[in-house]
């Protein structure tokens, strides 16, 4: 009987070891995925610290043009983008957040040792007179869920609605009313967390805010109608920006039409 148990033990030991190794690899993969996600959020938070404070808020055609001509400039020598937030001021929320995204991608390249190809960076550049829904910047700058739509199309991250799932360093589109599109009142920001003020839950964020410009702000959560959080989980997929279709007719229509949140949820794969 002893030899029977010994035989079973000898037979099972390799199987147990193999199962343990599979669990270790699975756990390791999950840890690596979580680390990749949190590390990009960390890079976003680090990038914000490089931005100046203040500078004023303005979103005229002149301000949009200034972003393209002075704040985000293609550098032929390095084959990349030069990002100068001070030169954008006064500026507006989507420009501020898009510059944070670009700067975070540059930092991610330095940290990871990976590099997006030249064509991808060119596709991410801000062009003068770039209409809403055209190219990467035209998508991120569009009314409605512009950045969330871009992220969904490129497969570089996830979009979700529940603030309980949010982490500092997520991007966030806030809608102050039920309107999405032509009549919307919205704000694109970097989410920093929740806090209590006099017993009321406030949402903290960074962006170019009215009237002061670059900086932090805290607003009662109850004032916000809809939230779309965007988390970058696969920055390497920004390589797909080079093959992004030039126009997004749905985002272009946001300038003249309004949409229900259910439609937006499907179009941006919002969880």
Protein backbone atom coordinates (compact mmCIF):
# COMPACT_ATOMS: atom_id res chain seq x y z
CA UNK A 1 0.00 0.00 0.00
CA UNK A 2 2.90 2.34 0.76
CA UNK A 3 4.22 1.87 -2.77
CA UNK A 4 0.78 2.64 -4.15
CA UNK A 5 0.67 5.99 -2.41
CA UNK A 6 4.25 6.67 -3.41
CA UNK A 7 3.44 5.97 -7.03
CA UNK A 8 0.48 8.36 -6.88
CA UNK A 9 2.68 11.00 -5.25
CA UNK A 10 5.35 10.63 -7.90
CA UNK A 11 2.71 10.86 -10.62
CA UNK A 12 0.96 13.89 -9.17
CA UNK A 13 4.01 15.95 -8.23
CA UNK A 14 4.88 16.99 -11.82
CA UNK A 15 1.24 17.79 -12.51
CA UNK A 16 0.99 19.93 -9.39
CA UNK A 17 4.21 21.70 -10.32
CA UNK A 18 2.90 22.37 -13.82
CA UNK A 19 -0.39 23.73 -12.44
CA UNK A 20 1.52 25.98 -10.05
CA UNK A 21 3.65 27.28 -12.93
CA UNK A 22 0.53 28.04 -14.99
CA UNK A 23 -0.98 29.93 -12.06
CA UNK A 24 2.26 31.85 -11.61
CA UNK A 25 2.37 32.82 -15.28
CA UNK A 26 -1.30 33.81 -15.27
CA UNK A 27 -0.82 35.90 -12.16
CA UNK A 28 2.34 37.39 -13.63
CA UNK A 29 0.46 38.37 -16.80
CA UNK A 30 -2.31 40.02 -14.80
CA UNK A 31 0.24 41.86 -12.69
CA UNK A 32 2.07 43.03 -15.80
CA UNK A 33 -1.17 44.23 -17.38
CA UNK A 34 -2.15 46.06 -14.20
CA UNK A 35 1.32 47.57 -13.95
CA UNK A 36 1.15 48.75 -17.57
CA UNK A 37 -2.19 50.41 -16.94
CA UNK A 38 -1.18 52.07 -13.68
CA UNK A 39 2.19 53.10 -15.11
CA UNK A 40 0.57 55.08 -17.94
CA UNK A 41 -1.76 56.76 -15.44
CA UNK A 42 1.35 57.58 -13.42
CA UNK A 43 3.01 59.02 -16.52
CA UNK A 44 -0.06 61.19 -17.12
CA UNK A 45 0.12 62.56 -13.57
CA UNK A 46 3.84 63.22 -13.98
CA UNK A 47 3.23 65.03 -17.27
CA UNK A 48 0.73 67.39 -15.66
CA UNK A 49 3.45 68.60 -13.31
CA UNK A 50 5.44 69.87 -16.31
CA UNK A 51 2.62 72.19 -17.35
CA UNK A 52 2.57 75.81 -16.18
CA UNK A 53 -0.20 77.21 -14.01
CA UNK A 54 -2.70 79.77 -15.22
CA UNK A 55 -2.35 81.42 -18.60
CA UNK A 56 -6.06 82.07 -19.07
CA UNK A 57 -8.87 80.29 -20.87
CA UNK A 58 -9.92 81.03 -24.44
CA UNK A 59 -11.22 78.89 -27.31
CA UNK A 60 -11.38 81.20 -30.32
CA UNK A 61 -10.14 80.14 -33.78
CA UNK A 62 -6.97 82.12 -33.01
CA UNK A 63 -6.36 79.99 -29.91
CA UNK A 64 -6.90 76.78 -31.87
CA UNK A 65 -4.44 77.97 -34.51
CA UNK A 66 -1.87 78.86 -31.83
CA UNK A 67 -1.86 75.25 -30.61
CA UNK A 68 -1.05 74.01 -34.11
CA UNK A 69 1.55 76.64 -34.98
CA UNK A 70 3.36 77.14 -31.68
CA UNK A 71 2.44 74.63 -28.95
CA UNK A 72 2.56 71.31 -30.85
CA UNK A 73 5.16 71.46 -33.60
CA UNK A 74 6.65 68.76 -35.79
CA UNK A 75 10.43 68.50 -35.45
CA UNK A 76 11.89 67.10 -38.65
CA UNK A 77 15.30 66.60 -37.07
CA UNK A 78 14.09 64.35 -34.24
CA UNK A 79 11.17 62.87 -36.13
CA UNK A 80 8.82 63.74 -33.29
CA UNK A 81 6.74 66.50 -31.73
CA UNK A 82 7.89 69.47 -29.69
CA UNK A 83 5.25 70.30 -27.06
CA UNK A 84 5.31 73.75 -25.45
CA UNK A 85 2.22 74.33 -23.25
CA UNK A 86 3.23 77.90 -22.39
CA UNK A 87 2.99 78.86 -26.04
CA UNK A 88 -0.61 77.67 -26.17
CA UNK A 89 -1.86 80.02 -23.44
CA UNK A 90 -4.53 81.21 -23.26
CA UNK A 91 -5.98 77.89 -24.30
CA UNK A 92 -8.91 75.52 -23.83
CA UNK A 93 -9.65 72.15 -22.24
CA UNK A 94 -9.29 69.73 -25.17
CA UNK A 95 -6.00 71.32 -26.25
CA UNK A 96 -4.60 71.07 -22.72
CA UNK A 97 -5.62 67.43 -22.32
CA UNK A 98 -4.41 66.46 -25.79
CA UNK A 99 -1.01 67.99 -25.04
CA UNK A 100 -0.90 65.97 -21.81
CA UNK A 101 -1.68 62.83 -23.80
CA UNK A 102 1.12 63.56 -26.29
CA UNK A 103 3.61 64.40 -23.55
CA UNK A 104 2.63 61.22 -21.69
CA UNK A 105 3.28 59.15 -24.82
CA UNK A 106 6.74 60.70 -25.03
CA UNK A 107 7.40 59.85 -21.39
CA UNK A 108 6.07 56.32 -21.95
CA UNK A 109 8.57 55.89 -24.77
CA UNK A 110 11.40 56.89 -22.43
CA UNK A 111 10.24 54.61 -19.62
CA UNK A 112 9.38 51.57 -21.75
CA UNK A 113 12.22 51.81 -24.24
CA UNK A 114 9.65 51.44 -27.04
CA UNK A 115 9.11 54.03 -29.74
CA UNK A 116 6.20 54.86 -31.99
CA UNK A 117 7.15 55.13 -35.65
CA UNK A 118 7.55 58.49 -37.35
CA UNK A 119 4.29 58.12 -39.29
CA UNK A 120 2.32 57.60 -36.08
CA UNK A 121 3.70 60.78 -34.52
CA UNK A 122 2.96 62.70 -37.70
CA UNK A 123 -0.62 61.44 -37.57
CA UNK A 124 -0.93 62.63 -33.94
CA UNK A 125 0.31 66.12 -34.81
CA UNK A 126 -2.05 69.12 -34.58
CA UNK A 127 -2.61 70.62 -38.02
CA UNK A 128 -3.79 74.19 -38.74
CA UNK A 129 -7.48 74.45 -39.62
CA UNK A 130 -8.07 70.79 -38.75
CA UNK A 131 -11.86 70.27 -38.62
CA UNK A 132 -13.64 68.35 -35.87
CA UNK A 133 -13.65 64.63 -36.66
CA UNK A 134 -10.64 64.83 -38.98
CA UNK A 135 -7.47 62.99 -37.98
CA UNK A 136 -6.43 62.22 -34.41
CA UNK A 137 -6.52 65.78 -33.12
CA UNK A 138 -9.78 66.54 -34.94
CA UNK A 139 -11.36 63.59 -33.17
CA UNK A 140 -10.02 64.50 -29.71
CA UNK A 141 -11.13 68.12 -30.18
CA UNK A 142 -14.64 67.27 -31.40
CA UNK A 143 -17.86 67.81 -29.50
CA UNK A 144 -19.22 64.86 -27.61
CA UNK A 145 -16.99 61.87 -26.79
CA UNK A 146 -14.15 62.89 -29.11
CA UNK A 147 -11.22 61.45 -27.14
CA UNK A 148 -13.18 58.35 -26.13
CA UNK A 149 -14.07 57.72 -29.78
CA UNK A 150 -10.41 58.07 -30.82
CA UNK A 151 -9.28 55.65 -28.11
CA UNK A 152 -11.94 53.11 -29.10
CA UNK A 153 -11.01 53.31 -32.78
CA UNK A 154 -7.29 52.87 -32.12
CA UNK A 155 -7.74 50.17 -29.48
CA UNK A 156 -5.40 51.95 -27.08
CA UNK A 157 -7.60 51.86 -24.00
CA UNK A 158 -11.01 51.45 -22.41
CA UNK A 159 -13.96 53.78 -21.87
CA UNK A 160 -16.33 53.49 -18.94
CA UNK A 161 -19.05 55.42 -17.13
CA UNK A 162 -18.81 54.45 -13.45
CA UNK A 163 -16.82 56.87 -11.28
CA UNK A 164 -16.23 54.05 -8.78
CA UNK A 165 -13.92 52.41 -11.33
CA UNK A 166 -11.93 55.58 -11.98
CA UNK A 167 -8.27 56.08 -11.10
CA UNK A 168 -6.21 59.22 -10.90
CA UNK A 169 -4.66 59.79 -14.32
CA UNK A 170 -7.72 58.68 -16.29
CA UNK A 171 -9.03 61.10 -18.91
CA UNK A 172 -12.59 62.28 -18.43
CA UNK A 173 -15.26 64.04 -20.48
CA UNK A 174 -17.79 65.79 -18.25
CA UNK A 175 -21.21 66.76 -19.57
CA UNK A 176 -22.89 69.46 -17.51
CA UNK A 177 -26.31 68.83 -19.13
CA UNK A 178 -28.06 65.96 -20.93
CA UNK A 179 -27.16 67.44 -24.31
CA UNK A 180 -24.36 65.70 -26.24
CA UNK A 181 -23.25 67.23 -29.52
CA UNK A 182 -24.31 70.55 -31.01
CA UNK A 183 -25.89 72.02 -27.87
CA UNK A 184 -23.65 70.39 -25.27
CA UNK A 185 -21.87 72.02 -22.38
CA UNK A 186 -18.87 69.85 -21.64
CA UNK A 187 -15.35 69.81 -20.28
CA UNK A 188 -12.39 67.51 -21.06
CA UNK A 189 -10.12 66.91 -18.07
CA UNK A 190 -7.69 64.58 -16.31
CA UNK A 191 -9.38 62.88 -13.37
CA UNK A 192 -7.61 63.18 -9.99
CA UNK A 193 -10.07 61.67 -7.50
CA UNK A 194 -13.04 62.31 -5.24
CA UNK A 195 -13.10 64.35 -2.06
CA UNK A 196 -15.62 65.54 0.52
CA UNK A 197 -16.30 69.23 1.07
CA UNK A 198 -18.83 70.06 3.79
CA UNK A 199 -20.22 66.56 3.43
CA UNK A 200 -20.68 66.88 -0.35
CA UNK A 201 -18.77 64.66 -2.79
CA UNK A 202 -16.61 66.67 -5.17
CA UNK A 203 -14.67 65.49 -8.22
CA UNK A 204 -11.12 66.83 -8.56
CA UNK A 205 -9.55 67.32 -11.96
CA UNK A 206 -6.86 69.09 -13.96
CA UNK A 207 -7.42 70.92 -17.23
CA UNK A 208 -7.46 74.35 -18.80
CA UNK A 209 -10.32 75.78 -16.78
CA UNK A 210 -12.36 78.97 -16.97
CA UNK A 211 -11.22 81.62 -16.28
CA UNK A 212 -7.68 81.00 -15.02
CA UNK A 213 -6.36 78.38 -17.46
CA UNK A 214 -4.09 75.46 -16.56
CA UNK A 215 -4.72 74.15 -13.06
CA UNK A 216 -6.74 72.06 -10.62
CA UNK A 217 -10.42 72.34 -9.88
CA UNK A 218 -12.94 70.59 -7.63
CA UNK A 219 -16.65 70.52 -8.53
CA UNK A 220 -19.62 68.86 -6.84
CA UNK A 221 -20.31 65.51 -8.48
CA UNK A 222 -24.04 66.26 -8.39
CA UNK A 223 -23.53 69.06 -10.94
CA UNK A 224 -22.34 66.59 -13.58
CA UNK A 225 -24.89 64.89 -15.82
CA UNK A 226 -22.84 62.27 -17.69
CA UNK A 227 -19.24 61.11 -17.31
CA UNK A 228 -17.06 59.27 -19.83
CA UNK A 229 -13.77 58.02 -18.38
CA UNK A 230 -10.97 56.94 -20.71
CA UNK A 231 -7.98 54.90 -19.55
CA UNK A 232 -4.97 54.22 -21.77
CA UNK A 233 -4.07 50.54 -21.39
CA UNK A 234 -2.20 49.78 -24.62
CA UNK A 235 -0.16 52.86 -25.61
CA UNK A 236 1.80 50.82 -28.14
CA UNK A 237 -1.35 50.70 -30.27
CA UNK A 238 -1.05 54.40 -31.03
CA UNK A 239 0.97 53.06 -33.95
CA UNK A 240 -2.46 52.64 -35.58
CA UNK A 241 -2.85 56.42 -35.77
CA UNK A 242 -0.95 56.28 -39.06
CA UNK A 243 -3.72 54.19 -40.64
CA UNK A 244 -6.67 55.98 -39.01
CA UNK A 245 -9.37 56.92 -41.56
CA UNK A 246 -9.12 60.61 -42.28
CA UNK A 247 -12.71 61.48 -41.42
CA UNK A 248 -15.15 60.39 -38.74
CA UNK A 249 -18.53 61.47 -40.10
CA UNK A 250 -20.29 60.67 -36.82
CA UNK A 251 -18.06 63.06 -34.87
CA UNK A 252 -18.33 65.64 -37.63
CA UNK A 253 -22.12 65.53 -37.23
CA UNK A 254 -21.74 66.46 -33.54
CA UNK A 255 -21.40 70.06 -34.69
CA UNK A 256 -24.99 70.15 -35.95
CA UNK A 257 -26.80 67.26 -34.25
CA UNK A 258 -27.42 66.08 -30.70
CA UNK A 259 -27.24 62.47 -29.52
CA UNK A 260 -28.50 60.36 -26.65
CA UNK A 261 -26.02 58.80 -24.26
CA UNK A 262 -27.11 55.29 -25.29
CA UNK A 263 -25.92 56.04 -28.83
CA UNK A 264 -22.63 57.42 -27.53
CA UNK A 265 -22.16 54.36 -25.32
CA UNK A 266 -22.36 52.01 -28.31
CA UNK A 267 -20.20 54.15 -30.59
CA UNK A 268 -17.38 54.40 -28.04
CA UNK A 269 -17.67 50.91 -26.49
CA UNK A 270 -18.38 52.41 -23.08
CA UNK A 271 -18.61 49.79 -20.36
